[in-house]
């Protein structure tokens, strides 16, 4: 009975909204330092309290990203290259960060700064092994369904909410591969959340392009994963949380 209700809700939503093949979603990221520190088994309560006090300002800062998508590809980057801290005292410029997905060819091209070095990561798309659940909720006026996965490399639980009103398998950051655009992602029960702020389905939207010149070391998925594994090992050896993973 529950499954039938969910199917009906999704079907009604598709009729009302009409399936869309392109759009732009603005996301906002937020962090919960307490839930992040909960994974640090090597730290005492006193150490966690000290870390919370040291990093609380950094973790309170929210960042907005923009996802432009069609049924064939997607482009994800910062909404604004320059941002100001919430208290207005400091303005900073983000490192270059572009994540692109070509769903027709089954490939991706990422250009980003990783731990102080610039990389160009190219390889075939390898989505998470998603399990679609029986939960639904409203996000920004769209009915979304829940899916879960586990990232063994980073030891992270992933919860995603996707909307079938959009005929695309795109999503924010490195999350994709569901039968509809991903509107929200939660890691480790709320340690890190990517949530939708606004949705624009204006057909006149211009799809962005990568800068003409990009310089960086070229690697594939295995090379990128090795950077993550080495970083985790080094952090654990120094009894330090790998903050960069969130």
C-alpha atoms as a PDB file:
ATOM      1  CA  UNK A   1       0.000   0.000   0.000  1.00  0.00           C
ATOM      2  CA  UNK A   2       2.818   2.397   0.916  1.00  0.00           C
ATOM      3  CA  UNK A   3       4.627   1.719  -2.369  1.00  0.00           C
ATOM      4  CA  UNK A   4       1.419   2.371  -4.298  1.00  0.00           C
ATOM      5  CA  UNK A   5       0.975   5.739  -2.553  1.00  0.00           C
ATOM      6  CA  UNK A   6       4.564   6.745  -3.397  1.00  0.00           C
ATOM      7  CA  UNK A   7       4.140   5.777  -7.053  1.00  0.00           C
ATOM      8  CA  UNK A   8       0.908   7.779  -7.242  1.00  0.00           C
ATOM      9  CA  UNK A   9       2.535  10.830  -5.669  1.00  0.00           C
ATOM     10  CA  UNK A  10       5.435  10.749  -8.106  1.00  0.00           C
ATOM     11  CA  UNK A  11       3.059  10.220 -11.045  1.00  0.00           C
ATOM     12  CA  UNK A  12       0.859  13.142 -10.001  1.00  0.00           C
ATOM     13  CA  UNK A  13       3.935  15.339  -9.538  1.00  0.00           C
ATOM     14  CA  UNK A  14       5.137  14.531 -13.048  1.00  0.00           C
ATOM     15  CA  UNK A  15       1.718  15.415 -14.484  1.00  0.00           C
ATOM     16  CA  UNK A  16       1.508  18.691 -12.576  1.00  0.00           C
ATOM     17  CA  UNK A  17       5.070  19.874 -13.031  1.00  0.00           C
ATOM     18  CA  UNK A  18       5.730  18.350 -16.445  1.00  0.00           C
ATOM     19  CA  UNK A  19       9.028  16.553 -17.013  1.00  0.00           C
ATOM     20  CA  UNK A  20      11.923  18.906 -17.697  1.00  0.00           C
ATOM     21  CA  UNK A  21      15.226  18.201 -19.400  1.00  0.00           C
ATOM     22  CA  UNK A  22      17.224  21.281 -18.386  1.00  0.00           C
ATOM     23  CA  UNK A  23      17.607  23.712 -15.535  1.00  0.00           C
ATOM     24  CA  UNK A  24      19.812  25.347 -12.947  1.00  0.00           C
ATOM     25  CA  UNK A  25      19.799  24.499  -9.250  1.00  0.00           C
ATOM     26  CA  UNK A  26      21.507  26.539  -6.555  1.00  0.00           C
ATOM     27  CA  UNK A  27      22.671  24.476  -3.588  1.00  0.00           C
ATOM     28  CA  UNK A  28      23.977  25.484  -0.183  1.00  0.00           C
ATOM     29  CA  UNK A  29      26.370  23.370   1.850  1.00  0.00           C
ATOM     30  CA  UNK A  30      26.387  23.207   5.630  1.00  0.00           C
ATOM     31  CA  UNK A  31      28.475  21.290   8.146  1.00  0.00           C
ATOM     32  CA  UNK A  32      27.853  19.952  11.625  1.00  0.00           C
ATOM     33  CA  UNK A  33      31.183  19.890  13.418  1.00  0.00           C
ATOM     34  CA  UNK A  34      29.882  17.777  16.288  1.00  0.00           C
ATOM     35  CA  UNK A  35      28.689  14.998  13.957  1.00  0.00           C
ATOM     36  CA  UNK A  36      31.936  15.156  12.021  1.00  0.00           C
ATOM     37  CA  UNK A  37      34.014  14.805  15.172  1.00  0.00           C
ATOM     38  CA  UNK A  38      31.860  11.860  16.296  1.00  0.00           C
ATOM     39  CA  UNK A  39      33.775   9.682  13.810  1.00  0.00           C
ATOM     40  CA  UNK A  40      37.111  10.489  15.471  1.00  0.00           C
ATOM     41  CA  UNK A  41      37.434   7.459  17.749  1.00  0.00           C
ATOM     42  CA  UNK A  42      41.042   8.371  18.544  1.00  0.00           C
ATOM     43  CA  UNK A  43      39.986  11.663  20.167  1.00  0.00           C
ATOM     44  CA  UNK A  44      38.876  12.199  23.755  1.00  0.00           C
ATOM     45  CA  UNK A  45      35.914  14.413  24.640  1.00  0.00           C
ATOM     46  CA  UNK A  46      38.324  17.162  25.707  1.00  0.00           C
ATOM     47  CA  UNK A  47      40.126  16.994  22.361  1.00  0.00           C
ATOM     48  CA  UNK A  48      36.834  17.139  20.476  1.00  0.00           C
ATOM     49  CA  UNK A  49      35.734  20.163  22.485  1.00  0.00           C
ATOM     50  CA  UNK A  50      39.038  21.875  21.693  1.00  0.00           C
ATOM     51  CA  UNK A  51      38.701  21.092  17.988  1.00  0.00           C
ATOM     52  CA  UNK A  52      35.128  22.389  17.995  1.00  0.00           C
ATOM     53  CA  UNK A  53      36.260  25.700  19.456  1.00  0.00           C
ATOM     54  CA  UNK A  54      39.177  25.988  17.014  1.00  0.00           C
ATOM     55  CA  UNK A  55      37.226  25.204  13.847  1.00  0.00           C
ATOM     56  CA  UNK A  56      33.729  26.456  14.658  1.00  0.00           C
ATOM     57  CA  UNK A  57      34.002  29.592  12.507  1.00  0.00           C
ATOM     58  CA  UNK A  58      35.178  27.666   9.464  1.00  0.00           C
ATOM     59  CA  UNK A  59      32.424  25.090   9.822  1.00  0.00           C
ATOM     60  CA  UNK A  60      29.711  27.713  10.247  1.00  0.00           C
ATOM     61  CA  UNK A  61      30.488  29.221   6.843  1.00  0.00           C
ATOM     62  CA  UNK A  62      27.988  28.158   4.174  1.00  0.00           C
ATOM     63  CA  UNK A  63      28.926  27.979   0.506  1.00  0.00           C
ATOM     64  CA  UNK A  64      26.637  28.083  -2.514  1.00  0.00           C
ATOM     65  CA  UNK A  65      27.131  26.075  -5.682  1.00  0.00           C
ATOM     66  CA  UNK A  66      25.350  26.048  -9.036  1.00  0.00           C
ATOM     67  CA  UNK A  67      24.410  22.983 -11.082  1.00  0.00           C
ATOM     68  CA  UNK A  68      23.474  23.548 -14.729  1.00  0.00           C
ATOM     69  CA  UNK A  69      22.071  20.398 -16.273  1.00  0.00           C
ATOM     70  CA  UNK A  70      20.378  18.921 -19.314  1.00  0.00           C
ATOM     71  CA  UNK A  71      19.331  15.361 -20.041  1.00  0.00           C
ATOM     72  CA  UNK A  72      22.760  14.836 -21.622  1.00  0.00           C
ATOM     73  CA  UNK A  73      25.269  16.600 -19.356  1.00  0.00           C
ATOM     74  CA  UNK A  74      25.871  18.716 -16.257  1.00  0.00           C
ATOM     75  CA  UNK A  75      28.205  21.449 -15.033  1.00  0.00           C
ATOM     76  CA  UNK A  76      28.800  22.095 -11.309  1.00  0.00           C
ATOM     77  CA  UNK A  77      30.809  24.936  -9.778  1.00  0.00           C
ATOM     78  CA  UNK A  78      30.656  27.755  -7.217  1.00  0.00           C
ATOM     79  CA  UNK A  79      27.726  30.131  -7.643  1.00  0.00           C
ATOM     80  CA  UNK A  80      30.115  33.038  -7.084  1.00  0.00           C
ATOM     81  CA  UNK A  81      33.876  32.832  -7.473  1.00  0.00           C
ATOM     82  CA  UNK A  82      34.322  35.487  -4.777  1.00  0.00           C
ATOM     83  CA  UNK A  83      32.589  35.305  -1.427  1.00  0.00           C
ATOM     84  CA  UNK A  84      32.479  37.237   1.827  1.00  0.00           C
ATOM     85  CA  UNK A  85      32.352  35.696   5.278  1.00  0.00           C
ATOM     86  CA  UNK A  86      29.000  35.889   7.046  1.00  0.00           C
ATOM     87  CA  UNK A  87      30.269  38.605   9.399  1.00  0.00           C
ATOM     88  CA  UNK A  88      31.382  40.675   6.384  1.00  0.00           C
ATOM     89  CA  UNK A  89      34.962  41.067   7.594  1.00  0.00           C
ATOM     90  CA  UNK A  90      36.773  38.985   4.990  1.00  0.00           C
ATOM     91  CA  UNK A  91      36.448  38.462   1.223  1.00  0.00           C
ATOM     92  CA  UNK A  92      38.106  35.487  -0.438  1.00  0.00           C
ATOM     93  CA  UNK A  93      38.394  33.878  -3.868  1.00  0.00           C
ATOM     94  CA  UNK A  94      37.692  30.203  -4.401  1.00  0.00           C
ATOM     95  CA  UNK A  95      40.122  27.880  -6.110  1.00  0.00           C
ATOM     96  CA  UNK A  96      39.093  26.783  -9.602  1.00  0.00           C
ATOM     97  CA  UNK A  97      36.475  24.072  -9.304  1.00  0.00           C
ATOM     98  CA  UNK A  98      34.478  22.607 -12.189  1.00  0.00           C
ATOM     99  CA  UNK A  99      32.811  19.197 -12.243  1.00  0.00           C
ATOM    100  CA  UNK A 100      31.314  18.132 -15.571  1.00  0.00           C
ATOM    101  CA  UNK A 101      29.367  15.004 -16.541  1.00  0.00           C
ATOM    102  CA  UNK A 102      28.655  13.729 -20.045  1.00  0.00           C
ATOM    103  CA  UNK A 103      25.863  11.210 -19.669  1.00  0.00           C
ATOM    104  CA  UNK A 104      25.710  10.458 -23.393  1.00  0.00           C
ATOM    105  CA  UNK A 105      29.350   9.389 -23.551  1.00  0.00           C
ATOM    106  CA  UNK A 106      29.443   8.072 -19.981  1.00  0.00           C
ATOM    107  CA  UNK A 107      32.468  10.202 -19.067  1.00  0.00           C
ATOM    108  CA  UNK A 108      33.397  13.013 -16.694  1.00  0.00           C
ATOM    109  CA  UNK A 109      35.917  15.859 -16.611  1.00  0.00           C
ATOM    110  CA  UNK A 110      36.784  17.484 -13.270  1.00  0.00           C
ATOM    111  CA  UNK A 111      39.073  20.459 -12.782  1.00  0.00           C
ATOM    112  CA  UNK A 112      39.885  21.264  -9.175  1.00  0.00           C
ATOM    113  CA  UNK A 113      42.400  22.052  -6.484  1.00  0.00           C
ATOM    114  CA  UNK A 114      43.022  19.062  -4.226  1.00  0.00           C
ATOM    115  CA  UNK A 115      45.116  19.639  -1.107  1.00  0.00           C
ATOM    116  CA  UNK A 116      47.022  22.506  -2.692  1.00  0.00           C
ATOM    117  CA  UNK A 117      47.550  20.982  -6.152  1.00  0.00           C
ATOM    118  CA  UNK A 118      45.510  21.429  -9.324  1.00  0.00           C
ATOM    119  CA  UNK A 119      44.269  18.273 -11.047  1.00  0.00           C
ATOM    120  CA  UNK A 120      42.376  17.417 -14.206  1.00  0.00           C
ATOM    121  CA  UNK A 121      40.480  14.189 -13.551  1.00  0.00           C
ATOM    122  CA  UNK A 122      39.056  12.373 -16.577  1.00  0.00           C
ATOM    123  CA  UNK A 123      37.504   8.912 -16.698  1.00  0.00           C
ATOM    124  CA  UNK A 124      34.309   6.948 -17.269  1.00  0.00           C
ATOM    125  CA  UNK A 125      31.310   7.603 -15.023  1.00  0.00           C
ATOM    126  CA  UNK A 126      31.013   5.244 -12.050  1.00  0.00           C
ATOM    127  CA  UNK A 127      27.937   6.131  -9.970  1.00  0.00           C
ATOM    128  CA  UNK A 128      27.328   4.851  -6.464  1.00  0.00           C
ATOM    129  CA  UNK A 129      25.399   1.628  -5.965  1.00  0.00           C
ATOM    130  CA  UNK A 130      22.173   3.377  -4.990  1.00  0.00           C
ATOM    131  CA  UNK A 131      19.297   1.713  -3.163  1.00  0.00           C
ATOM    132  CA  UNK A 132      15.974   3.519  -3.665  1.00  0.00           C
ATOM    133  CA  UNK A 133      13.840   3.651  -0.524  1.00  0.00           C
ATOM    134  CA  UNK A 134      10.104   4.116   0.115  1.00  0.00           C
ATOM    135  CA  UNK A 135      10.358   7.653   1.520  1.00  0.00           C
ATOM    136  CA  UNK A 136       9.176  10.867  -0.115  1.00  0.00           C
ATOM    137  CA  UNK A 137       9.346  14.540   0.867  1.00  0.00           C
ATOM    138  CA  UNK A 138       8.887  17.981  -0.628  1.00  0.00           C
ATOM    139  CA  UNK A 139      12.012  19.944  -1.547  1.00  0.00           C
ATOM    140  CA  UNK A 140      11.602  23.405  -3.090  1.00  0.00           C
ATOM    141  CA  UNK A 141       8.091  22.494  -4.227  1.00  0.00           C
ATOM    142  CA  UNK A 142       9.084  19.190  -5.858  1.00  0.00           C
ATOM    143  CA  UNK A 143       8.231  15.694  -4.640  1.00  0.00           C
ATOM    144  CA  UNK A 144      11.476  13.800  -4.078  1.00  0.00           C
ATOM    145  CA  UNK A 145      12.302  10.176  -3.363  1.00  0.00           C
ATOM    146  CA  UNK A 146      15.032   8.906  -1.072  1.00  0.00           C
ATOM    147  CA  UNK A 147      18.029   6.798  -2.059  1.00  0.00           C
ATOM    148  CA  UNK A 148      20.960   5.597   0.052  1.00  0.00           C
ATOM    149  CA  UNK A 149      24.492   4.430  -0.662  1.00  0.00           C
ATOM    150  CA  UNK A 150      27.788   3.843   1.115  1.00  0.00           C
ATOM    151  CA  UNK A 151      31.199   5.173   0.132  1.00  0.00           C
ATOM    152  CA  UNK A 152      33.649   2.529   1.344  1.00  0.00           C
ATOM    153  CA  UNK A 153      36.667   4.610   0.349  1.00  0.00           C
ATOM    154  CA  UNK A 154      35.699   7.518   2.614  1.00  0.00           C
ATOM    155  CA  UNK A 155      33.661   5.444   5.094  1.00  0.00           C
ATOM    156  CA  UNK A 156      30.637   7.682   4.553  1.00  0.00           C
ATOM    157  CA  UNK A 157      26.918   6.996   4.659  1.00  0.00           C
ATOM    158  CA  UNK A 158      25.112   8.815   1.853  1.00  0.00           C
ATOM    159  CA  UNK A 159      21.464   9.827   1.757  1.00  0.00           C
ATOM    160  CA  UNK A 160      20.135  11.491  -1.392  1.00  0.00           C
ATOM    161  CA  UNK A 161      16.752  12.877  -2.414  1.00  0.00           C
ATOM    162  CA  UNK A 162      16.014  12.928  -6.147  1.00  0.00           C
ATOM    163  CA  UNK A 163      13.195  14.311  -8.272  1.00  0.00           C
ATOM    164  CA  UNK A 164      11.856  12.481 -11.330  1.00  0.00           C
ATOM    165  CA  UNK A 165      10.320  15.682 -12.724  1.00  0.00           C
ATOM    166  CA  UNK A 166      13.728  16.261 -14.312  1.00  0.00           C
ATOM    167  CA  UNK A 167      14.823  13.816 -17.008  1.00  0.00           C
ATOM    168  CA  UNK A 168      18.474  13.694 -15.970  1.00  0.00           C
ATOM    169  CA  UNK A 169      20.665  11.621 -13.687  1.00  0.00           C
ATOM    170  CA  UNK A 170      22.759  14.604 -12.568  1.00  0.00           C
ATOM    171  CA  UNK A 171      23.270  15.996  -9.091  1.00  0.00           C
ATOM    172  CA  UNK A 172      25.525  18.156  -6.926  1.00  0.00           C
ATOM    173  CA  UNK A 173      29.211  17.485  -6.375  1.00  0.00           C
ATOM    174  CA  UNK A 174      30.066  13.839  -7.202  1.00  0.00           C
ATOM    175  CA  UNK A 175      26.581  12.506  -6.647  1.00  0.00           C
ATOM    176  CA  UNK A 176      24.646  11.326  -9.695  1.00  0.00           C
ATOM    177  CA  UNK A 177      23.212   8.198 -11.271  1.00  0.00           C
ATOM    178  CA  UNK A 178      19.592   8.257 -10.050  1.00  0.00           C
ATOM    179  CA  UNK A 179      16.423   8.428 -12.219  1.00  0.00           C
ATOM    180  CA  UNK A 180      16.042  12.168 -11.643  1.00  0.00           C
ATOM    181  CA  UNK A 181      18.100  15.142 -10.521  1.00  0.00           C
ATOM    182  CA  UNK A 182      19.424  14.948  -6.942  1.00  0.00           C
ATOM    183  CA  UNK A 183      18.024  17.832  -4.887  1.00  0.00           C
ATOM    184  CA  UNK A 184      19.634  17.074  -1.525  1.00  0.00           C
ATOM    185  CA  UNK A 185      22.537  15.037  -0.145  1.00  0.00           C
ATOM    186  CA  UNK A 186      23.343  14.219   3.479  1.00  0.00           C
ATOM    187  CA  UNK A 187      26.589  12.569   4.577  1.00  0.00           C
ATOM    188  CA  UNK A 188      27.024  10.696   7.847  1.00  0.00           C
ATOM    189  CA  UNK A 189      23.631  11.596   9.357  1.00  0.00           C
ATOM    190  CA  UNK A 190      24.072  15.331   8.862  1.00  0.00           C
ATOM    191  CA  UNK A 191      27.826  15.908   9.197  1.00  0.00           C
ATOM    192  CA  UNK A 192      27.661  17.519   5.754  1.00  0.00           C
ATOM    193  CA  UNK A 193      24.525  18.555   3.868  1.00  0.00           C
ATOM    194  CA  UNK A 194      24.012  19.838   0.333  1.00  0.00           C
ATOM    195  CA  UNK A 195      20.529  21.330   0.084  1.00  0.00           C
ATOM    196  CA  UNK A 196      18.576  23.027  -2.699  1.00  0.00           C
ATOM    197  CA  UNK A 197      18.095  26.780  -2.359  1.00  0.00           C
ATOM    198  CA  UNK A 198      16.380  27.506  -5.670  1.00  0.00           C
ATOM    199  CA  UNK A 199      15.429  25.876  -8.983  1.00  0.00           C
ATOM    200  CA  UNK A 200      15.315  27.675 -12.342  1.00  0.00           C
ATOM    201  CA  UNK A 201      13.850  25.881 -15.359  1.00  0.00           C
ATOM    202  CA  UNK A 202      13.997  28.856 -17.725  1.00  0.00           C
ATOM    203  CA  UNK A 203      14.633  27.341 -21.176  1.00  0.00           C
ATOM    204  CA  UNK A 204      16.695  30.418 -22.122  1.00  0.00           C
ATOM    205  CA  UNK A 205      19.434  29.502 -19.627  1.00  0.00           C
ATOM    206  CA  UNK A 206      22.840  29.436 -21.266  1.00  0.00           C
ATOM    207  CA  UNK A 207      24.802  26.279 -20.543  1.00  0.00           C
ATOM    208  CA  UNK A 208      28.258  27.233 -19.157  1.00  0.00           C
ATOM    209  CA  UNK A 209      31.543  26.199 -20.715  1.00  0.00           C
ATOM    210  CA  UNK A 210      34.910  25.380 -19.225  1.00  0.00           C
ATOM    211  CA  UNK A 211      37.624  28.056 -19.444  1.00  0.00           C
ATOM    212  CA  UNK A 212      39.629  27.796 -22.671  1.00  0.00           C
ATOM    213  CA  UNK A 213      42.867  27.177 -20.803  1.00  0.00           C
ATOM    214  CA  UNK A 214      43.065  24.780 -17.862  1.00  0.00           C
ATOM    215  CA  UNK A 215      46.366  23.636 -16.423  1.00  0.00           C
ATOM    216  CA  UNK A 216      46.883  20.813 -13.994  1.00  0.00           C
ATOM    217  CA  UNK A 217      48.139  17.280 -13.543  1.00  0.00           C
ATOM    218  CA  UNK A 218      45.994  14.772 -15.444  1.00  0.00           C
ATOM    219  CA  UNK A 219      44.838  11.719 -13.505  1.00  0.00           C
ATOM    220  CA  UNK A 220      42.013   9.176 -13.675  1.00  0.00           C
ATOM    221  CA  UNK A 221      39.618   7.832 -11.031  1.00  0.00           C
ATOM    222  CA  UNK A 222      42.226   5.469  -9.592  1.00  0.00           C
ATOM    223  CA  UNK A 223      44.703   8.332  -9.270  1.00  0.00           C
ATOM    224  CA  UNK A 224      42.129  10.508  -7.532  1.00  0.00           C
ATOM    225  CA  UNK A 225      41.176   7.676  -5.161  1.00  0.00           C
ATOM    226  CA  UNK A 226      44.848   7.138  -4.279  1.00  0.00           C
ATOM    227  CA  UNK A 227      45.067  10.797  -3.198  1.00  0.00           C
ATOM    228  CA  UNK A 228      42.074  10.247  -0.914  1.00  0.00           C
ATOM    229  CA  UNK A 229      43.459   7.008   0.579  1.00  0.00           C
ATOM    230  CA  UNK A 230      46.895   8.549   1.230  1.00  0.00           C
ATOM    231  CA  UNK A 231      45.273  11.612   2.813  1.00  0.00           C
ATOM    232  CA  UNK A 232      43.142   9.463   5.129  1.00  0.00           C
ATOM    233  CA  UNK A 233      46.141   7.379   6.185  1.00  0.00           C
ATOM    234  CA  UNK A 234      48.268  10.447   6.868  1.00  0.00           C
ATOM    235  CA  UNK A 235      45.461  12.092   8.857  1.00  0.00           C
ATOM    236  CA  UNK A 236      44.869   8.989  10.954  1.00  0.00           C
ATOM    237  CA  UNK A 237      48.608   8.588  11.606  1.00  0.00           C
ATOM    238  CA  UNK A 238      48.666  12.159  12.936  1.00  0.00           C
ATOM    239  CA  UNK A 239      45.426  11.613  14.931  1.00  0.00           C
ATOM    240  CA  UNK A 240      43.755  14.252  12.817  1.00  0.00           C
ATOM    241  CA  UNK A 241      40.379  14.183  11.100  1.00  0.00           C
ATOM    242  CA  UNK A 242      40.462  14.340   7.290  1.00  0.00           C
ATOM    243  CA  UNK A 243      38.384  17.542   7.051  1.00  0.00           C
ATOM    244  CA  UNK A 244      38.772  17.740   3.286  1.00  0.00           C
ATOM    245  CA  UNK A 245      36.528  14.702   2.775  1.00  0.00           C
ATOM    246  CA  UNK A 246      33.461  16.798   3.643  1.00  0.00           C
END
